[in-house]
């Protein structure tokens, strides 16, 4: 799947294992996790990944639209949620930010 491939890209980028902290969620689990009622986790279209001490580097690469961002967009990742200790990725079809190379995407930040 696109998500598994994307998780491997992130793992290769940080050169160490990454922890999948969330994938598919039931509605009950999503509510308990504080997830959006329209969360892509409910559709099996999202992963949350903890990259350990490399998380700031991953986040910076996404913000700056660096090589990791380009690779992820090329494989169908169009949603990015950045936090201090994890990244959310999803395969939404479009988003609220524009990118002339890859089309629209969404990028947001979680408050820790």
PDB file of N, CA and C in Angstrom:
ATOM      1  N   UNK A   1       0.836  -1.194   0.000  1.00  0.00           N
ATOM      2  CA  UNK A   1       0.000   0.000   0.000  1.00  0.00           C
ATOM      3  C   UNK A   1       0.878   1.253   0.000  1.00  0.00           C
ATOM      4  N   UNK A   2       0.286   2.363  -0.388  1.00  0.00           N
ATOM      5  CA  UNK A   2       1.003   3.642  -0.414  1.00  0.00           C
ATOM      6  C   UNK A   2       1.534   4.004   0.963  1.00  0.00           C
ATOM      7  N   UNK A   3       0.749   3.736   1.995  1.00  0.00           N
ATOM      8  CA  UNK A   3       1.169   4.102   3.354  1.00  0.00           C
ATOM      9  C   UNK A   3       2.372   3.297   3.821  1.00  0.00           C
ATOM     10  N   UNK A   4       2.378   2.015   3.510  1.00  0.00           N
ATOM     11  CA  UNK A   4       3.514   1.167   3.897  1.00  0.00           C
ATOM     12  C   UNK A   4       4.772   1.620   3.157  1.00  0.00           C
ATOM     13  N   UNK A   5       4.616   1.899   1.875  1.00  0.00           N
ATOM     14  CA  UNK A   5       5.736   2.383   1.077  1.00  0.00           C
ATOM     15  C   UNK A   5       6.245   3.715   1.629  1.00  0.00           C
ATOM     16  N   UNK A   6       5.325   4.611   1.988  1.00  0.00           N
ATOM     17  CA  UNK A   6       5.703   5.914   2.547  1.00  0.00           C
ATOM     18  C   UNK A   6       6.413   5.750   3.890  1.00  0.00           C
ATOM     19  N   UNK A   7       5.928   4.850   4.730  1.00  0.00           N
ATOM     20  CA  UNK A   7       6.585   4.609   6.024  1.00  0.00           C
ATOM     21  C   UNK A   7       8.010   4.119   5.809  1.00  0.00           C
ATOM     22  N   UNK A   8       8.209   3.268   4.808  1.00  0.00           N
ATOM     23  CA  UNK A   8       9.558   2.791   4.505  1.00  0.00           C
ATOM     24  C   UNK A   8      10.442   3.932   4.001  1.00  0.00           C
ATOM     25  N   UNK A   9       9.871   4.844   3.216  1.00  0.00           N
ATOM     26  CA  UNK A   9      10.637   6.017   2.750  1.00  0.00           C
ATOM     27  C   UNK A   9      11.124   6.845   3.933  1.00  0.00           C
ATOM     28  N   UNK A  10      10.240   7.041   4.900  1.00  0.00           N
ATOM     29  CA  UNK A  10      10.612   7.809   6.083  1.00  0.00           C
ATOM     30  C   UNK A  10      11.681   7.065   6.871  1.00  0.00           C
ATOM     31  N   UNK A  11      11.503   5.768   7.007  1.00  0.00           N
ATOM     32  CA  UNK A  11      12.507   4.948   7.704  1.00  0.00           C
ATOM     33  C   UNK A  11      13.865   5.055   7.018  1.00  0.00           C
ATOM     34  N   UNK A  12      13.883   4.974   5.698  1.00  0.00           N
ATOM     35  CA  UNK A  12      15.135   5.103   4.956  1.00  0.00           C
ATOM     36  C   UNK A  12      15.745   6.491   5.147  1.00  0.00           C
ATOM     37  N   UNK A  13      14.900   7.516   5.188  1.00  0.00           N
ATOM     38  CA  UNK A  13      15.363   8.886   5.348  1.00  0.00           C
ATOM     39  C   UNK A  13      16.052   9.086   6.699  1.00  0.00           C
ATOM     40  N   UNK A  14      15.468   8.525   7.761  1.00  0.00           N
ATOM     41  CA  UNK A  14      16.047   8.703   9.105  1.00  0.00           C
ATOM     42  C   UNK A  14      17.104   7.639   9.425  1.00  0.00           C
ATOM     43  N   UNK A  15      17.217   6.648   8.549  1.00  0.00           N
ATOM     44  CA  UNK A  15      18.211   5.577   8.708  1.00  0.00           C
ATOM     45  C   UNK A  15      18.072   4.815  10.028  1.00  0.00           C
ATOM     46  N   UNK A  16      16.836   4.670  10.471  1.00  0.00           N
ATOM     47  CA  UNK A  16      16.560   3.883  11.667  1.00  0.00           C
ATOM     48  C   UNK A  16      15.079   3.507  11.667  1.00  0.00           C
ATOM     49  N   UNK A  17      14.706   2.527  12.484  1.00  0.00           N
ATOM     50  CA  UNK A  17      13.290   2.147  12.543  1.00  0.00           C
ATOM     51  C   UNK A  17      12.406   3.308  13.007  1.00  0.00           C
ATOM     52  N   UNK A  18      11.176   3.300  12.536  1.00  0.00           N
ATOM     53  CA  UNK A  18      10.172   4.259  12.999  1.00  0.00           C
ATOM     54  C   UNK A  18       9.033   3.477  13.636  1.00  0.00           C
ATOM     55  N   UNK A  19       8.411   4.052  14.624  1.00  0.00           N
ATOM     56  CA  UNK A  19       7.321   3.404  15.348  1.00  0.00           C
ATOM     57  C   UNK A  19       5.989   3.865  14.782  1.00  0.00           C
ATOM     58  N   UNK A  20       5.174   2.926  14.345  1.00  0.00           N
ATOM     59  CA  UNK A  20       3.811   3.273  13.922  1.00  0.00           C
ATOM     60  C   UNK A  20       2.981   3.375  15.194  1.00  0.00           C
ATOM     61  N   UNK A  21       2.589   4.602  15.527  1.00  0.00           N
ATOM     62  CA  UNK A  21       1.837   4.802  16.768  1.00  0.00           C
ATOM     63  C   UNK A  21       0.336   4.776  16.550  1.00  0.00           C
ATOM     64  N   UNK A  22      -0.109   4.933  15.295  1.00  0.00           N
ATOM     65  CA  UNK A  22      -1.532   4.837  15.005  1.00  0.00           C
ATOM     66  C   UNK A  22      -1.725   4.521  13.528  1.00  0.00           C
ATOM     67  N   UNK A  23      -2.676   3.639  13.257  1.00  0.00           N
ATOM     68  CA  UNK A  23      -3.051   3.331  11.872  1.00  0.00           C
ATOM     69  C   UNK A  23      -4.577   3.368  11.811  1.00  0.00           C
ATOM     70  N   UNK A  24      -5.215   2.271  11.384  1.00  0.00           N
ATOM     71  CA  UNK A  24      -6.683   2.250  11.363  1.00  0.00           C
ATOM     72  C   UNK A  24      -7.225   2.392  12.777  1.00  0.00           C
ATOM     73  N   UNK A  25      -8.271   3.194  12.917  1.00  0.00           N
ATOM     74  CA  UNK A  25      -8.950   3.343  14.215  1.00  0.00           C
ATOM     75  C   UNK A  25     -10.434   3.062  14.053  1.00  0.00           C
ATOM     76  N   UNK A  26     -10.999   2.418  15.049  1.00  0.00           N
ATOM     77  CA  UNK A  26     -12.452   2.302  15.118  1.00  0.00           C
ATOM     78  C   UNK A  26     -12.998   3.665  15.544  1.00  0.00           C
ATOM     79  N   UNK A  27     -14.269   3.932  15.308  1.00  0.00           N
ATOM     80  CA  UNK A  27     -14.838   5.210  15.763  1.00  0.00           C
ATOM     81  C   UNK A  27     -14.650   5.434  17.270  1.00  0.00           C
ATOM     82  N   UNK A  28     -14.786   4.390  18.072  1.00  0.00           N
ATOM     83  CA  UNK A  28     -14.624   4.528  19.525  1.00  0.00           C
ATOM     84  C   UNK A  28     -13.179   4.893  19.871  1.00  0.00           C
ATOM     85  N   UNK A  29     -12.227   4.193  19.276  1.00  0.00           N
ATOM     86  CA  UNK A  29     -10.813   4.486  19.534  1.00  0.00           C
ATOM     87  C   UNK A  29     -10.447   5.884  19.031  1.00  0.00           C
ATOM     88  N   UNK A  30     -10.989   6.263  17.877  1.00  0.00           N
ATOM     89  CA  UNK A  30     -10.702   7.588  17.326  1.00  0.00           C
ATOM     90  C   UNK A  30     -11.195   8.680  18.269  1.00  0.00           C
ATOM     91  N   UNK A  31     -12.397   8.515  18.794  1.00  0.00           N
ATOM     92  CA  UNK A  31     -12.940   9.497  19.736  1.00  0.00           C
ATOM     93  C   UNK A  31     -12.092   9.561  20.999  1.00  0.00           C
ATOM     94  N   UNK A  32     -11.680   8.404  21.504  1.00  0.00           N
ATOM     95  CA  UNK A  32     -10.849   8.354  22.712  1.00  0.00           C
ATOM     96  C   UNK A  32      -9.477   8.976  22.478  1.00  0.00           C
ATOM     97  N   UNK A  33      -9.006   8.942  21.221  1.00  0.00           N
ATOM     98  CA  UNK A  33      -7.703   9.511  20.877  1.00  0.00           C
ATOM     99  C   UNK A  33      -7.783  11.007  20.592  1.00  0.00           C
ATOM    100  N   UNK A  34      -8.982  11.553  20.596  1.00  0.00           N
ATOM    101  CA  UNK A  34      -9.151  12.966  20.274  1.00  0.00           C
ATOM    102  C   UNK A  34      -9.088  13.240  18.782  1.00  0.00           C
ATOM    103  N   UNK A  35      -9.313  12.204  17.971  1.00  0.00           N
ATOM    104  CA  UNK A  35      -9.250  12.354  16.520  1.00  0.00           C
ATOM    105  C   UNK A  35     -10.456  13.081  15.959  1.00  0.00           C
ATOM    106  N   UNK A  36     -10.260  13.661  14.800  1.00  0.00           N
ATOM    107  CA  UNK A  36     -11.335  14.348  14.086  1.00  0.00           C
ATOM    108  C   UNK A  36     -12.428  13.353  13.710  1.00  0.00           C
ATOM    109  N   UNK A  37     -13.657  13.812  13.668  1.00  0.00           N
ATOM    110  CA  UNK A  37     -14.739  12.906  13.267  1.00  0.00           C
ATOM    111  C   UNK A  37     -14.624  12.515  11.796  1.00  0.00           C
ATOM    112  N   UNK A  38     -13.808  13.243  11.038  1.00  0.00           N
ATOM    113  CA  UNK A  38     -13.572  12.914   9.632  1.00  0.00           C
ATOM    114  C   UNK A  38     -12.148  12.392   9.417  1.00  0.00           C
ATOM    115  N   UNK A  39     -11.544  11.844  10.462  1.00  0.00           N
ATOM    116  CA  UNK A  39     -10.162  11.382  10.424  1.00  0.00           C
ATOM    117  C   UNK A  39      -9.938  10.331   9.337  1.00  0.00           C
ATOM    118  N   UNK A  40      -8.825  10.467   8.647  1.00  0.00           N
ATOM    119  CA  UNK A  40      -8.454   9.459   7.652  1.00  0.00           C
ATOM    120  C   UNK A  40      -8.050   8.145   8.317  1.00  0.00           C
ATOM    121  N   UNK A  41      -7.783   8.146   9.607  1.00  0.00           N
ATOM    122  CA  UNK A  41      -7.531   6.897  10.333  1.00  0.00           C
ATOM    123  C   UNK A  41      -8.773   6.011  10.307  1.00  0.00           C
ATOM    124  N   UNK A  42      -9.961   6.601  10.294  1.00  0.00           N
ATOM    125  CA  UNK A  42     -11.212   5.843  10.264  1.00  0.00           C
ATOM    126  C   UNK A  42     -11.401   5.105   8.946  1.00  0.00           C
ATOM    127  N   UNK A  43     -10.728   5.571   7.913  1.00  0.00           N
ATOM    128  CA  UNK A  43     -10.840   4.982   6.579  1.00  0.00           C
ATOM    129  C   UNK A  43      -9.652   4.085   6.245  1.00  0.00           C
ATOM    130  N   UNK A  44      -8.714   3.930   7.199  1.00  0.00           N
ATOM    131  CA  UNK A  44      -7.511   3.154   6.924  1.00  0.00           C
ATOM    132  C   UNK A  44      -6.587   3.845   5.940  1.00  0.00           C
ATOM    133  N   UNK A  45      -6.652   5.173   5.900  1.00  0.00           N
ATOM    134  CA  UNK A  45      -5.876   5.961   4.936  1.00  0.00           C
ATOM    135  C   UNK A  45      -4.824   6.828   5.612  1.00  0.00           C
ATOM    136  N   UNK A  46      -4.440   6.511   6.868  1.00  0.00           N
ATOM    137  CA  UNK A  46      -3.492   7.360   7.591  1.00  0.00           C
ATOM    138  C   UNK A  46      -2.613   6.538   8.516  1.00  0.00           C
ATOM    139  N   UNK A  47      -1.419   7.072   8.749  1.00  0.00           N
ATOM    140  CA  UNK A  47      -0.484   6.518   9.733  1.00  0.00           C
ATOM    141  C   UNK A  47       0.094   7.667  10.541  1.00  0.00           C
ATOM    142  N   UNK A  48       0.347   7.408  11.813  1.00  0.00           N
ATOM    143  CA  UNK A  48       1.142   8.301  12.644  1.00  0.00           C
ATOM    144  C   UNK A  48       2.442   7.568  12.933  1.00  0.00           C
ATOM    145  N   UNK A  49       3.560   8.236  12.691  1.00  0.00           N
ATOM    146  CA  UNK A  49       4.879   7.621  12.824  1.00  0.00           C
ATOM    147  C   UNK A  49       5.747   8.439  13.758  1.00  0.00           C
ATOM    148  N   UNK A  50       6.381   7.761  14.698  1.00  0.00           N
ATOM    149  CA  UNK A  50       7.322   8.404  15.604  1.00  0.00           C
ATOM    150  C   UNK A  50       8.722   8.111  15.095  1.00  0.00           C
ATOM    151  N   UNK A  51       9.467   9.172  14.802  1.00  0.00           N
ATOM    152  CA  UNK A  51      10.817   9.033  14.237  1.00  0.00           C
ATOM    153  C   UNK A  51      11.898   9.313  15.272  1.00  0.00           C
ATOM    154  N   UNK A  52      11.541   9.289  16.536  1.00  0.00           N
ATOM    155  CA  UNK A  52      12.515   9.476  17.606  1.00  0.00           C
ATOM    156  C   UNK A  52      13.259  10.790  17.497  1.00  0.00           C
ATOM    157  N   UNK A  53      14.559  10.729  17.709  1.00  0.00           N
ATOM    158  CA  UNK A  53      15.370  11.955  17.723  1.00  0.00           C
ATOM    159  C   UNK A  53      15.473  12.599  16.341  1.00  0.00           C
ATOM    160  N   UNK A  54      15.063  11.887  15.304  1.00  0.00           N
ATOM    161  CA  UNK A  54      15.118  12.423  13.938  1.00  0.00           C
ATOM    162  C   UNK A  54      13.838  13.172  13.549  1.00  0.00           C
ATOM    163  N   UNK A  55      12.864  13.222  14.464  1.00  0.00           N
ATOM    164  CA  UNK A  55      11.590  13.869  14.137  1.00  0.00           C
ATOM    165  C   UNK A  55      11.758  15.325  13.680  1.00  0.00           C
ATOM    166  N   UNK A  56      12.592  16.133  14.345  1.00  0.00           N
ATOM    167  CA  UNK A  56      12.757  17.518  13.859  1.00  0.00           C
ATOM    168  C   UNK A  56      13.275  17.585  12.420  1.00  0.00           C
ATOM    169  N   UNK A  57      14.170  16.682  12.045  1.00  0.00           N
ATOM    170  CA  UNK A  57      14.698  16.662  10.684  1.00  0.00           C
ATOM    171  C   UNK A  57      13.605  16.300   9.681  1.00  0.00           C
ATOM    172  N   UNK A  58      12.783  15.320  10.027  1.00  0.00           N
ATOM    173  CA  UNK A  58      11.661  14.930   9.166  1.00  0.00           C
ATOM    174  C   UNK A  58      10.713  16.112   8.996  1.00  0.00           C
ATOM    175  N   UNK A  59      10.336  16.741  10.108  1.00  0.00           N
ATOM    176  CA  UNK A  59       9.398  17.856  10.045  1.00  0.00           C
ATOM    177  C   UNK A  59       9.949  19.000   9.204  1.00  0.00           C
ATOM    178  N   UNK A  60      11.222  19.316   9.398  1.00  0.00           N
ATOM    179  CA  UNK A  60      11.840  20.403   8.636  1.00  0.00           C
ATOM    180  C   UNK A  60      11.828  20.087   7.139  1.00  0.00           C
ATOM    181  N   UNK A  61      12.090  18.830   6.781  1.00  0.00           N
ATOM    182  CA  UNK A  61      12.097  18.441   5.380  1.00  0.00           C
ATOM    183  C   UNK A  61      10.719  18.619   4.755  1.00  0.00           C
ATOM    184  N   UNK A  62       9.673  18.278   5.493  1.00  0.00           N
ATOM    185  CA  UNK A  62       8.314  18.447   4.982  1.00  0.00           C
ATOM    186  C   UNK A  62       8.007  19.933   4.814  1.00  0.00           C
ATOM    187  N   UNK A  63       8.310  20.729   5.827  1.00  0.00           N
ATOM    188  CA  UNK A  63       8.036  22.168   5.775  1.00  0.00           C
ATOM    189  C   UNK A  63       8.755  22.828   4.605  1.00  0.00           C
ATOM    190  N   UNK A  64      10.003  22.451   4.388  1.00  0.00           N
ATOM    191  CA  UNK A  64      10.816  23.056   3.324  1.00  0.00           C
ATOM    192  C   UNK A  64      10.611  22.406   1.953  1.00  0.00           C
ATOM    193  N   UNK A  65       9.735  21.397   1.910  1.00  0.00           N
ATOM    194  CA  UNK A  65       9.456  20.667   0.661  1.00  0.00           C
ATOM    195  C   UNK A  65      10.742  20.088   0.079  1.00  0.00           C
ATOM    196  N   UNK A  66      11.491  19.423   0.953  1.00  0.00           N
ATOM    197  CA  UNK A  66      12.755  18.806   0.574  1.00  0.00           C
ATOM    198  C   UNK A  66      12.564  17.455  -0.095  1.00  0.00           C
ATOM    199  N   UNK A  67      13.662  16.683  -0.210  1.00  0.00           N
ATOM    200  CA  UNK A  67      13.610  15.405  -0.932  1.00  0.00           C
ATOM    201  C   UNK A  67      12.634  14.380  -0.340  1.00  0.00           C
ATOM    202  N   UNK A  68      12.517  14.327   0.971  1.00  0.00           N
ATOM    203  CA  UNK A  68      11.557  13.393   1.572  1.00  0.00           C
ATOM    204  C   UNK A  68      10.135  13.786   1.190  1.00  0.00           C
ATOM    205  N   UNK A  69       9.818  15.063   1.309  1.00  0.00           N
ATOM    206  CA  UNK A  69       8.501  15.577   0.900  1.00  0.00           C
ATOM    207  C   UNK A  69       8.214  15.188  -0.548  1.00  0.00           C
ATOM    208  N   UNK A  70       9.169  15.415  -1.446  1.00  0.00           N
ATOM    209  CA  UNK A  70       8.985  15.096  -2.866  1.00  0.00           C
ATOM    210  C   UNK A  70       8.704  13.605  -3.046  1.00  0.00           C
ATOM    211  N   UNK A  71       9.477  12.756  -2.387  1.00  0.00           N
ATOM    212  CA  UNK A  71       9.266  11.308  -2.492  1.00  0.00           C
ATOM    213  C   UNK A  71       7.891  10.910  -1.979  1.00  0.00           C
ATOM    214  N   UNK A  72       7.484  11.476  -0.848  1.00  0.00           N
ATOM    215  CA  UNK A  72       6.183  11.142  -0.273  1.00  0.00           C
ATOM    216  C   UNK A  72       5.041  11.613  -1.171  1.00  0.00           C
ATOM    217  N   UNK A  73       5.167  12.801  -1.711  1.00  0.00           N
ATOM    218  CA  UNK A  73       4.122  13.296  -2.618  1.00  0.00           C
ATOM    219  C   UNK A  73       4.053  12.426  -3.873  1.00  0.00           C
ATOM    220  N   UNK A  74       5.213  12.004  -4.380  1.00  0.00           N
ATOM    221  CA  UNK A  74       5.244  11.141  -5.564  1.00  0.00           C
ATOM    222  C   UNK A  74       4.532   9.816  -5.330  1.00  0.00           C
ATOM    223  N   UNK A  75       4.486   9.350  -4.076  1.00  0.00           N
ATOM    224  CA  UNK A  75       3.826   8.065  -3.831  1.00  0.00           C
ATOM    225  C   UNK A  75       2.385   8.229  -3.347  1.00  0.00           C
ATOM    226  N   UNK A  76       1.857   9.457  -3.346  1.00  0.00           N
ATOM    227  CA  UNK A  76       0.442   9.649  -3.047  1.00  0.00           C
ATOM    228  C   UNK A  76       0.119  10.165  -1.672  1.00  0.00           C
ATOM    229  N   UNK A  77       1.110  10.643  -0.935  1.00  0.00           N
ATOM    230  CA  UNK A  77       0.836  11.232   0.381  1.00  0.00           C
ATOM    231  C   UNK A  77       0.482  12.704   0.166  1.00  0.00           C
ATOM    232  N   UNK A  78      -0.725  13.071   0.576  1.00  0.00           N
ATOM    233  CA  UNK A  78      -1.224  14.434   0.376  1.00  0.00           C
ATOM    234  C   UNK A  78      -1.651  15.108   1.673  1.00  0.00           C
ATOM    235  N   UNK A  79      -1.490  14.431   2.795  1.00  0.00           N
ATOM    236  CA  UNK A  79      -1.808  15.003   4.097  1.00  0.00           C
ATOM    237  C   UNK A  79      -0.644  14.820   5.044  1.00  0.00           C
ATOM    238  N   UNK A  80      -0.220  15.926   5.676  1.00  0.00           N
ATOM    239  CA  UNK A  80       0.902  15.914   6.618  1.00  0.00           C
ATOM    240  C   UNK A  80       0.500  16.662   7.880  1.00  0.00           C
ATOM    241  N   UNK A  81       0.552  15.997   9.008  1.00  0.00           N
ATOM    242  CA  UNK A  81       0.353  16.641  10.299  1.00  0.00           C
ATOM    243  C   UNK A  81       1.644  16.506  11.087  1.00  0.00           C
ATOM    244  N   UNK A  82       2.196  17.632  11.506  1.00  0.00           N
ATOM    245  CA  UNK A  82       3.495  17.607  12.175  1.00  0.00           C
ATOM    246  C   UNK A  82       3.348  17.904  13.662  1.00  0.00           C
ATOM    247  N   UNK A  83       4.005  17.088  14.450  1.00  0.00           N
ATOM    248  CA  UNK A  83       4.048  17.271  15.901  1.00  0.00           C
ATOM    249  C   UNK A  83       5.499  17.160  16.346  1.00  0.00           C
ATOM    250  N   UNK A  84       5.749  17.499  17.582  1.00  0.00           N
ATOM    251  CA  UNK A  84       7.105  17.430  18.120  1.00  0.00           C
ATOM    252  C   UNK A  84       7.642  16.000  18.121  1.00  0.00           C
ATOM    253  N   UNK A  85       6.741  15.028  18.341  1.00  0.00           N
ATOM    254  CA  UNK A  85       7.217  13.649  18.472  1.00  0.00           C
ATOM    255  C   UNK A  85       6.607  12.663  17.478  1.00  0.00           C
ATOM    256  N   UNK A  86       5.918  13.147  16.457  1.00  0.00           N
ATOM    257  CA  UNK A  86       5.426  12.242  15.416  1.00  0.00           C
ATOM    258  C   UNK A  86       5.017  13.021  14.169  1.00  0.00           C
ATOM    259  N   UNK A  87       4.834  12.275  13.087  1.00  0.00           N
ATOM    260  CA  UNK A  87       4.280  12.819  11.850  1.00  0.00           C
ATOM    261  C   UNK A  87       3.064  11.988  11.478  1.00  0.00           C
ATOM    262  N   UNK A  88       2.010  12.668  11.064  1.00  0.00           N
ATOM    263  CA  UNK A  88       0.819  12.025  10.514  1.00  0.00           C
ATOM    264  C   UNK A  88       0.948  12.135   9.003  1.00  0.00           C
ATOM    265  N   UNK A  89       0.718  11.034   8.297  1.00  0.00           N
ATOM    266  CA  UNK A  89       0.655  11.054   6.841  1.00  0.00           C
ATOM    267  C   UNK A  89      -0.641  10.401   6.404  1.00  0.00           C
ATOM    268  N   UNK A  90      -1.229  10.905   5.310  1.00  0.00           N
ATOM    269  CA  UNK A  90      -2.436  10.268   4.798  1.00  0.00           C
ATOM    270  C   UNK A  90      -2.525  10.418   3.289  1.00  0.00           C
ATOM    271  N   UNK A  91      -3.444   9.663   2.719  1.00  0.00           N
ATOM    272  CA  UNK A  91      -3.592   9.596   1.269  1.00  0.00           C
ATOM    273  C   UNK A  91      -4.848  10.317   0.785  1.00  0.00           C
ATOM    274  N   UNK A  92      -5.212  11.409   1.449  1.00  0.00           N
ATOM    275  CA  UNK A  92      -6.345  12.217   0.980  1.00  0.00           C
ATOM    276  C   UNK A  92      -6.110  12.597  -0.482  1.00  0.00           C
ATOM    277  N   UNK A  93      -7.175  12.912  -1.185  1.00  0.00           N
ATOM    278  CA  UNK A  93      -7.045  13.233  -2.603  1.00  0.00           C
ATOM    279  C   UNK A  93      -6.594  14.664  -2.855  1.00  0.00           C
ATOM    280  N   UNK A  94      -6.930  15.574  -1.964  1.00  0.00           N
ATOM    281  CA  UNK A  94      -6.561  16.973  -2.162  1.00  0.00           C
ATOM    282  C   UNK A  94      -6.524  17.663  -0.813  1.00  0.00           C
ATOM    283  N   UNK A  95      -6.063  18.910  -0.816  1.00  0.00           N
ATOM    284  CA  UNK A  95      -5.958  19.636   0.439  1.00  0.00           C
ATOM    285  C   UNK A  95      -6.111  21.132   0.251  1.00  0.00           C
ATOM    286  N   UNK A  96      -5.728  21.900   1.265  1.00  0.00           N
ATOM    287  CA  UNK A  96      -5.954  23.348   1.265  1.00  0.00           C
ATOM    288  C   UNK A  96      -4.727  24.167   0.894  1.00  0.00           C
ATOM    289  N   UNK A  97      -3.591  23.523   0.675  1.00  0.00           N
ATOM    290  CA  UNK A  97      -2.373  24.224   0.250  1.00  0.00           C
ATOM    291  C   UNK A  97      -2.048  23.827  -1.183  1.00  0.00           C
ATOM    292  N   UNK A  98      -1.435  24.735  -1.898  1.00  0.00           N
ATOM    293  CA  UNK A  98      -1.134  24.477  -3.302  1.00  0.00           C
ATOM    294  C   UNK A  98       0.331  24.102  -3.504  1.00  0.00           C
ATOM    295  N   UNK A  99       0.561  23.236  -4.476  1.00  0.00           N
ATOM    296  CA  UNK A  99       1.898  22.861  -4.897  1.00  0.00           C
ATOM    297  C   UNK A  99       1.806  22.687  -6.409  1.00  0.00           C
ATOM    298  N   UNK A 100       2.517  23.530  -7.145  1.00  0.00           N
ATOM    299  CA  UNK A 100       2.399  23.510  -8.606  1.00  0.00           C
ATOM    300  C   UNK A 100       2.905  22.203  -9.217  1.00  0.00           C
ATOM    301  N   UNK A 101       3.797  21.494  -8.530  1.00  0.00           N
ATOM    302  CA  UNK A 101       4.318  20.231  -9.064  1.00  0.00           C
ATOM    303  C   UNK A 101       3.402  19.044  -8.809  1.00  0.00           C
ATOM    304  N   UNK A 102       2.808  18.979  -7.606  1.00  0.00           N
ATOM    305  CA  UNK A 102       2.070  17.778  -7.209  1.00  0.00           C
ATOM    306  C   UNK A 102       0.579  17.993  -6.976  1.00  0.00           C
ATOM    307  N   UNK A 103       0.109  19.202  -7.070  1.00  0.00           N
ATOM    308  CA  UNK A 103      -1.296  19.477  -6.775  1.00  0.00           C
ATOM    309  C   UNK A 103      -1.483  19.783  -5.301  1.00  0.00           C
ATOM    310  N   UNK A 104      -2.712  19.991  -4.912  1.00  0.00           N
ATOM    311  CA  UNK A 104      -2.986  20.450  -3.549  1.00  0.00           C
ATOM    312  C   UNK A 104      -2.691  19.375  -2.512  1.00  0.00           C
ATOM    313  N   UNK A 105      -2.418  19.846  -1.296  1.00  0.00           N
ATOM    314  CA  UNK A 105      -2.124  18.970  -0.164  1.00  0.00           C
ATOM    315  C   UNK A 105      -2.492  19.719   1.108  1.00  0.00           C
ATOM    316  N   UNK A 106      -2.484  19.031   2.221  1.00  0.00           N
ATOM    317  CA  UNK A 106      -2.748  19.662   3.504  1.00  0.00           C
ATOM    318  C   UNK A 106      -1.561  19.471   4.423  1.00  0.00           C
ATOM    319  N   UNK A 107      -1.208  20.546   5.121  1.00  0.00           N
ATOM    320  CA  UNK A 107      -0.142  20.533   6.116  1.00  0.00           C
ATOM    321  C   UNK A 107      -0.644  21.286   7.330  1.00  0.00           C
ATOM    322  N   UNK A 108      -0.557  20.661   8.485  1.00  0.00           N
ATOM    323  CA  UNK A 108      -0.966  21.316   9.724  1.00  0.00           C
ATOM    324  C   UNK A 108      -0.031  20.898  10.846  1.00  0.00           C
ATOM    325  N   UNK A 109      -0.173  21.582  11.963  1.00  0.00           N
ATOM    326  CA  UNK A 109       0.714  21.358  13.119  1.00  0.00           C
ATOM    327  C   UNK A 109      -0.147  21.002  14.329  1.00  0.00           C
ATOM    328  N   UNK A 110       0.332  20.024  15.085  1.00  0.00           N
ATOM    329  CA  UNK A 110      -0.322  19.651  16.332  1.00  0.00           C
ATOM    330  C   UNK A 110       0.363  20.372  17.481  1.00  0.00           C
ATOM    331  N   UNK A 111      -0.427  20.838  18.423  1.00  0.00           N
ATOM    332  CA  UNK A 111       0.145  21.419  19.650  1.00  0.00           C
ATOM    333  C   UNK A 111       0.390  20.285  20.635  1.00  0.00           C
ATOM    334  N   UNK A 112       1.599  20.196  21.123  1.00  0.00           N
ATOM    335  CA  UNK A 112       1.929  19.113  22.078  1.00  0.00           C
ATOM    336  C   UNK A 112       1.684  19.577  23.487  1.00  0.00           C
TER     337      UNK A 112
END
